Amino acid sequence: MGAGVTFDWTLKLGDIAIVLATFLGPIAAIQAQKIVEARREQQQRRVAIFKTLMATRAAMLSPAHVEAINSIPIEFYGKGNKLKQIGERWKNYLDALSQPNP
């Protein structure tokens, strides 16, 4: 019982990195998966709108067509150039729908 054992309790940068990676790695992976899933769901909703519009283009007053038209500004909202073009074309389509039929 005579010899005293001393422990080195100092933390090194590598030790801190390992601890952080151990705890933050799974959290970051879950967040990344949530982002991927959200983008996939958004893409699926956009494709569903397109398919509905194509399937109901001959029946422009059908509830499904009207619902799809009304959901365009919600699902295609954003700052990208393509999204702005979709918004402009949506407005043009609405204007065309409001014109009297000759």
C-alpha atoms as a PDB file:
ATOM      1  CA  MET A   1       0.000   0.000   0.000  1.00  0.00           C
ATOM      2  CA  GLY A   2       2.932   2.213  -0.133  1.00  0.00           C
ATOM      3  CA  ALA A   3       3.285   3.142  -3.777  1.00  0.00           C
ATOM      4  CA  GLY A   4       0.826   5.807  -4.859  1.00  0.00           C
ATOM      5  CA  VAL A   5      -0.706   5.389  -8.267  1.00  0.00           C
ATOM      6  CA  THR A   6      -1.405   8.636 -10.083  1.00  0.00           C
ATOM      7  CA  PHE A   7      -3.721   8.972 -13.007  1.00  0.00           C
ATOM      8  CA  ASP A   8      -3.357  11.431 -15.831  1.00  0.00           C
ATOM      9  CA  TRP A   9      -6.782  13.093 -15.945  1.00  0.00           C
ATOM     10  CA  THR A  10      -5.852  15.655 -18.582  1.00  0.00           C
ATOM     11  CA  LEU A  11      -7.873  15.626 -21.755  1.00  0.00           C
ATOM     12  CA  LYS A  12      -6.207  15.872 -25.073  1.00  0.00           C
ATOM     13  CA  LEU A  13      -7.763  17.320 -28.192  1.00  0.00           C
ATOM     14  CA  GLY A  14      -8.024  13.856 -29.742  1.00  0.00           C
ATOM     15  CA  ASP A  15      -9.904  12.577 -26.697  1.00  0.00           C
ATOM     16  CA  ILE A  16     -12.378  15.439 -26.905  1.00  0.00           C
ATOM     17  CA  ALA A  17     -12.880  14.811 -30.613  1.00  0.00           C
ATOM     18  CA  ILE A  18     -13.625  11.132 -29.975  1.00  0.00           C
ATOM     19  CA  VAL A  19     -16.164  11.973 -27.271  1.00  0.00           C
ATOM     20  CA  LEU A  20     -17.863  14.571 -29.483  1.00  0.00           C
ATOM     21  CA  ALA A  21     -17.937  12.241 -32.465  1.00  0.00           C
ATOM     22  CA  THR A  22     -19.406   9.478 -30.314  1.00  0.00           C
ATOM     23  CA  PHE A  23     -22.289  11.642 -29.163  1.00  0.00           C
ATOM     24  CA  LEU A  24     -22.804  14.029 -32.073  1.00  0.00           C
ATOM     25  CA  GLY A  25     -22.292  11.560 -34.923  1.00  0.00           C
ATOM     26  CA  PRO A  26     -25.586   9.717 -34.482  1.00  0.00           C
ATOM     27  CA  ILE A  27     -27.454  12.983 -33.954  1.00  0.00           C
ATOM     28  CA  ALA A  28     -26.017  14.423 -37.176  1.00  0.00           C
ATOM     29  CA  ALA A  29     -26.877  11.215 -39.040  1.00  0.00           C
ATOM     30  CA  ILE A  30     -30.493  11.354 -37.862  1.00  0.00           C
ATOM     31  CA  GLN A  31     -30.794  15.013 -38.861  1.00  0.00           C
ATOM     32  CA  ALA A  32     -29.323  14.272 -42.288  1.00  0.00           C
ATOM     33  CA  GLN A  33     -31.807  11.416 -42.743  1.00  0.00           C
ATOM     34  CA  LYS A  34     -34.691  13.727 -41.815  1.00  0.00           C
ATOM     35  CA  ILE A  35     -33.559  16.238 -44.439  1.00  0.00           C
ATOM     36  CA  VAL A  36     -33.330  13.520 -47.090  1.00  0.00           C
ATOM     37  CA  GLU A  37     -36.792  12.209 -46.189  1.00  0.00           C
ATOM     38  CA  ALA A  38     -38.318  15.706 -46.252  1.00  0.00           C
ATOM     39  CA  ARG A  39     -36.897  16.355 -49.716  1.00  0.00           C
ATOM     40  CA  ARG A  40     -38.133  12.978 -50.946  1.00  0.00           C
ATOM     41  CA  GLU A  41     -41.635  13.671 -49.618  1.00  0.00           C
ATOM     42  CA  GLN A  42     -41.634  17.108 -51.230  1.00  0.00           C
ATOM     43  CA  GLN A  43     -40.615  15.602 -54.561  1.00  0.00           C
ATOM     44  CA  GLN A  44     -43.348  12.968 -54.260  1.00  0.00           C
ATOM     45  CA  ARG A  45     -45.956  15.662 -53.594  1.00  0.00           C
ATOM     46  CA  ARG A  46     -44.757  17.658 -56.593  1.00  0.00           C
ATOM     47  CA  VAL A  47     -44.917  14.604 -58.847  1.00  0.00           C
ATOM     48  CA  ALA A  48     -48.411  13.830 -57.543  1.00  0.00           C
ATOM     49  CA  ILE A  49     -49.530  17.354 -58.463  1.00  0.00           C
ATOM     50  CA  PHE A  50     -48.095  16.976 -61.952  1.00  0.00           C
ATOM     51  CA  LYS A  51     -49.754  13.590 -62.446  1.00  0.00           C
ATOM     52  CA  THR A  52     -53.090  14.928 -61.229  1.00  0.00           C
ATOM     53  CA  LEU A  53     -52.888  17.912 -63.545  1.00  0.00           C
ATOM     54  CA  MET A  54     -52.055  15.709 -66.513  1.00  0.00           C
ATOM     55  CA  ALA A  55     -54.786  13.203 -65.696  1.00  0.00           C
ATOM     56  CA  THR A  56     -57.442  15.877 -65.251  1.00  0.00           C
ATOM     57  CA  ARG A  57     -56.402  18.370 -67.931  1.00  0.00           C
ATOM     58  CA  ALA A  58     -59.556  17.670 -69.934  1.00  0.00           C
ATOM     59  CA  ALA A  59     -61.724  18.296 -66.868  1.00  0.00           C
ATOM     60  CA  MET A  60     -60.391  21.608 -65.593  1.00  0.00           C
ATOM     61  CA  LEU A  61     -63.264  22.051 -63.152  1.00  0.00           C
ATOM     62  CA  SER A  62     -62.892  18.656 -61.514  1.00  0.00           C
ATOM     63  CA  PRO A  63     -62.160  18.868 -57.779  1.00  0.00           C
ATOM     64  CA  ALA A  64     -58.853  17.033 -58.190  1.00  0.00           C
ATOM     65  CA  HIS A  65     -57.676  19.470 -60.880  1.00  0.00           C
ATOM     66  CA  VAL A  66     -58.694  22.514 -58.852  1.00  0.00           C
ATOM     67  CA  GLU A  67     -57.006  21.115 -55.746  1.00  0.00           C
ATOM     68  CA  ALA A  68     -53.801  20.440 -57.674  1.00  0.00           C
ATOM     69  CA  ILE A  69     -53.829  23.955 -59.163  1.00  0.00           C
ATOM     70  CA  ASN A  70     -54.395  25.473 -55.734  1.00  0.00           C
ATOM     71  CA  SER A  71     -51.549  23.500 -54.191  1.00  0.00           C
ATOM     72  CA  ILE A  72     -48.933  24.699 -56.705  1.00  0.00           C
ATOM     73  CA  PRO A  73     -47.994  27.891 -54.826  1.00  0.00           C
ATOM     74  CA  ILE A  74     -47.550  25.879 -51.641  1.00  0.00           C
ATOM     75  CA  GLU A  75     -45.538  22.945 -52.969  1.00  0.00           C
ATOM     76  CA  PHE A  76     -43.495  24.891 -55.521  1.00  0.00           C
ATOM     77  CA  TYR A  77     -42.582  27.820 -53.276  1.00  0.00           C
ATOM     78  CA  GLY A  78     -38.964  28.901 -53.313  1.00  0.00           C
ATOM     79  CA  LYS A  79     -36.300  31.211 -54.658  1.00  0.00           C
ATOM     80  CA  GLY A  80     -34.833  29.020 -57.364  1.00  0.00           C
ATOM     81  CA  ASN A  81     -35.126  30.010 -61.011  1.00  0.00           C
ATOM     82  CA  LYS A  82     -37.160  26.913 -61.897  1.00  0.00           C
ATOM     83  CA  LEU A  83     -39.550  27.535 -59.015  1.00  0.00           C
ATOM     84  CA  LYS A  84     -40.042  31.134 -60.124  1.00  0.00           C
ATOM     85  CA  GLN A  85     -40.808  29.937 -63.657  1.00  0.00           C
ATOM     86  CA  ILE A  86     -43.368  27.498 -62.293  1.00  0.00           C
ATOM     87  CA  GLY A  87     -44.970  30.319 -60.309  1.00  0.00           C
ATOM     88  CA  GLU A  88     -45.137  32.554 -63.380  1.00  0.00           C
ATOM     89  CA  ARG A  89     -46.648  29.794 -65.506  1.00  0.00           C
ATOM     90  CA  TRP A  90     -49.143  29.022 -62.755  1.00  0.00           C
ATOM     91  CA  LYS A  91     -50.259  32.666 -62.792  1.00  0.00           C
ATOM     92  CA  ASN A  92     -50.521  32.599 -66.597  1.00  0.00           C
ATOM     93  CA  TYR A  93     -52.630  29.435 -66.405  1.00  0.00           C
ATOM     94  CA  LEU A  94     -54.937  30.997 -63.835  1.00  0.00           C
ATOM     95  CA  ASP A  95     -55.312  34.033 -66.076  1.00  0.00           C
ATOM     96  CA  ALA A  96     -56.165  31.789 -69.012  1.00  0.00           C
ATOM     97  CA  LEU A  97     -58.748  29.946 -66.916  1.00  0.00           C
ATOM     98  CA  SER A  98     -60.437  33.204 -65.967  1.00  0.00           C
ATOM     99  CA  GLN A  99     -60.884  34.270 -69.597  1.00  0.00           C
ATOM    100  CA  PRO A 100     -64.349  33.722 -71.067  1.00  0.00           C
ATOM    101  CA  ASN A 101     -64.608  30.718 -73.324  1.00  0.00           C
ATOM    102  CA  PRO A 102     -65.405  31.809 -76.925  1.00  0.00           C
END
